[in-house]
Amino acid sequence: MRKGTMPHRRNPNRKVESLNLRAKLAKLMNAKLLGLFRHLLTFGGGFLVAKGWMDAETLASLVGAAITVIGNVMSVKAPEKGE
């Protein structure tokens, strides 16, 4: 060890920083997954509309309802902030 340097100590805030990073990554992944799911629903719904099995208004309502329900479920399951 060089003269005048202190031995390495663990940063007590490291665990908190790690949890914050995990929460940020989870939030980013949730946003990306919701976006991907929304596009898949829209693509599948577009196919149904093109085949004449569903009208566009019904598709918009169903996709919106599905995204709302999934977003609420993910929000409830998300870790609480500040705890």
C-alpha atoms as a PDB file:
ATOM      1  CA  MET A   1       0.000   0.000   0.000  1.00  0.00           C
ATOM      2  CA  ARG A   2       1.310   3.446  -0.836  1.00  0.00           C
ATOM      3  CA  LYS A   3       2.118   5.782   1.965  1.00  0.00           C
ATOM      4  CA  GLY A   4      -0.730   8.164   2.774  1.00  0.00           C
ATOM      5  CA  THR A   5      -3.491   6.069   1.234  1.00  0.00           C
ATOM      6  CA  MET A   6      -6.319   4.471   3.125  1.00  0.00           C
ATOM      7  CA  PRO A   7      -7.257   0.817   2.701  1.00  0.00           C
ATOM      8  CA  HIS A   8     -10.256   0.170   0.480  1.00  0.00           C
ATOM      9  CA  ARG A   9     -13.542   0.347   2.342  1.00  0.00           C
ATOM     10  CA  ARG A  10     -16.891  -0.791   1.100  1.00  0.00           C
ATOM     11  CA  ASN A  11     -19.243   2.004   0.262  1.00  0.00           C
ATOM     12  CA  PRO A  12     -22.297   1.657   2.554  1.00  0.00           C
ATOM     13  CA  ASN A  13     -24.425   3.389  -0.090  1.00  0.00           C
ATOM     14  CA  ARG A  14     -23.460   0.837  -2.734  1.00  0.00           C
ATOM     15  CA  LYS A  15     -26.437  -1.417  -1.951  1.00  0.00           C
ATOM     16  CA  VAL A  16     -28.817   1.531  -2.225  1.00  0.00           C
ATOM     17  CA  GLU A  17     -27.224   2.557  -5.539  1.00  0.00           C
ATOM     18  CA  SER A  18     -27.577  -1.001  -6.784  1.00  0.00           C
ATOM     19  CA  LEU A  19     -31.267  -1.091  -5.845  1.00  0.00           C
ATOM     20  CA  ASN A  20     -31.843   2.249  -7.552  1.00  0.00           C
ATOM     21  CA  LEU A  21     -30.158   0.965 -10.698  1.00  0.00           C
ATOM     22  CA  ARG A  22     -32.287  -2.180 -10.631  1.00  0.00           C
ATOM     23  CA  ALA A  23     -35.451  -0.119 -10.211  1.00  0.00           C
ATOM     24  CA  LYS A  24     -34.457   2.108 -13.127  1.00  0.00           C
ATOM     25  CA  LEU A  25     -33.708  -0.906 -15.326  1.00  0.00           C
ATOM     26  CA  ALA A  26     -36.994  -2.533 -14.338  1.00  0.00           C
ATOM     27  CA  LYS A  27     -38.885   0.651 -15.175  1.00  0.00           C
ATOM     28  CA  LEU A  28     -37.132   0.903 -18.548  1.00  0.00           C
ATOM     29  CA  MET A  29     -37.810  -2.746 -19.337  1.00  0.00           C
ATOM     30  CA  ASN A  30     -41.455  -2.364 -18.323  1.00  0.00           C
ATOM     31  CA  ALA A  31     -41.834   0.609 -20.649  1.00  0.00           C
ATOM     32  CA  LYS A  32     -40.182  -1.268 -23.509  1.00  0.00           C
ATOM     33  CA  LEU A  33     -42.261  -4.388 -22.897  1.00  0.00           C
ATOM     34  CA  LEU A  34     -45.485  -2.371 -22.810  1.00  0.00           C
ATOM     35  CA  GLY A  35     -44.517  -0.683 -26.062  1.00  0.00           C
ATOM     36  CA  LEU A  36     -43.700  -4.011 -27.700  1.00  0.00           C
ATOM     37  CA  PHE A  37     -46.931  -5.550 -26.443  1.00  0.00           C
ATOM     38  CA  ARG A  38     -48.927  -2.569 -27.726  1.00  0.00           C
ATOM     39  CA  HIS A  39     -47.367  -2.932 -31.187  1.00  0.00           C
ATOM     40  CA  LEU A  40     -48.032  -6.672 -31.241  1.00  0.00           C
ATOM     41  CA  LEU A  41     -51.669  -6.100 -30.287  1.00  0.00           C
ATOM     42  CA  THR A  42     -52.013  -3.429 -32.965  1.00  0.00           C
ATOM     43  CA  PHE A  43     -50.384  -5.666 -35.588  1.00  0.00           C
ATOM     44  CA  GLY A  44     -52.601  -8.627 -34.712  1.00  0.00           C
ATOM     45  CA  GLY A  45     -55.649  -6.403 -34.579  1.00  0.00           C
ATOM     46  CA  GLY A  46     -54.779  -4.910 -37.959  1.00  0.00           C
ATOM     47  CA  PHE A  47     -54.779  -8.422 -39.362  1.00  0.00           C
ATOM     48  CA  LEU A  48     -58.242  -9.042 -37.862  1.00  0.00           C
ATOM     49  CA  VAL A  49     -59.539  -5.754 -39.291  1.00  0.00           C
ATOM     50  CA  ALA A  50     -58.083  -6.564 -42.719  1.00  0.00           C
ATOM     51  CA  LYS A  51     -59.825  -9.950 -42.687  1.00  0.00           C
ATOM     52  CA  GLY A  52     -63.099  -8.263 -41.709  1.00  0.00           C
ATOM     53  CA  TRP A  53     -63.394 -10.120 -38.410  1.00  0.00           C
ATOM     54  CA  MET A  54     -63.319  -6.903 -36.325  1.00  0.00           C
ATOM     55  CA  ASP A  55     -63.933  -3.211 -36.947  1.00  0.00           C
ATOM     56  CA  ALA A  56     -61.302  -0.537 -36.218  1.00  0.00           C
ATOM     57  CA  GLU A  57     -63.209   1.054 -33.321  1.00  0.00           C
ATOM     58  CA  THR A  58     -63.451  -2.252 -31.472  1.00  0.00           C
ATOM     59  CA  LEU A  59     -59.755  -2.865 -32.068  1.00  0.00           C
ATOM     60  CA  ALA A  60     -58.797   0.525 -30.621  1.00  0.00           C
ATOM     61  CA  SER A  61     -60.968  -0.081 -27.557  1.00  0.00           C
ATOM     62  CA  LEU A  62     -59.592  -3.572 -26.922  1.00  0.00           C
ATOM     63  CA  VAL A  63     -55.938  -2.543 -27.355  1.00  0.00           C
ATOM     64  CA  GLY A  64     -56.428   0.445 -25.057  1.00  0.00           C
ATOM     65  CA  ALA A  65     -58.144  -1.680 -22.425  1.00  0.00           C
ATOM     66  CA  ALA A  66     -55.446  -4.372 -22.566  1.00  0.00           C
ATOM     67  CA  ILE A  67     -52.617  -1.853 -22.205  1.00  0.00           C
ATOM     68  CA  THR A  68     -54.431  -0.152 -19.310  1.00  0.00           C
ATOM     69  CA  VAL A  69     -54.960  -3.417 -17.436  1.00  0.00           C
ATOM     70  CA  ILE A  70     -51.385  -4.605 -18.015  1.00  0.00           C
ATOM     71  CA  GLY A  71     -49.971  -1.216 -17.005  1.00  0.00           C
ATOM     72  CA  ASN A  72     -51.969  -1.251 -13.784  1.00  0.00           C
ATOM     73  CA  VAL A  73     -50.882  -4.802 -12.945  1.00  0.00           C
ATOM     74  CA  MET A  74     -47.232  -3.899 -13.548  1.00  0.00           C
ATOM     75  CA  SER A  75     -47.649  -0.778 -11.430  1.00  0.00           C
ATOM     76  CA  VAL A  76     -49.028  -2.777  -8.509  1.00  0.00           C
ATOM     77  CA  LYS A  77     -46.218  -5.342  -8.767  1.00  0.00           C
ATOM     78  CA  ALA A  78     -43.480  -2.678  -9.014  1.00  0.00           C
ATOM     79  CA  PRO A  79     -41.259  -2.084  -5.975  1.00  0.00           C
ATOM     80  CA  GLU A  80     -42.279   0.878  -3.844  1.00  0.00           C
ATOM     81  CA  LYS A  81     -40.230   4.061  -4.090  1.00  0.00           C
ATOM     82  CA  GLY A  82     -38.498   5.366  -1.022  1.00  0.00           C
ATOM     83  CA  GLU A  83     -38.592   2.154   0.976  1.00  0.00           C
END
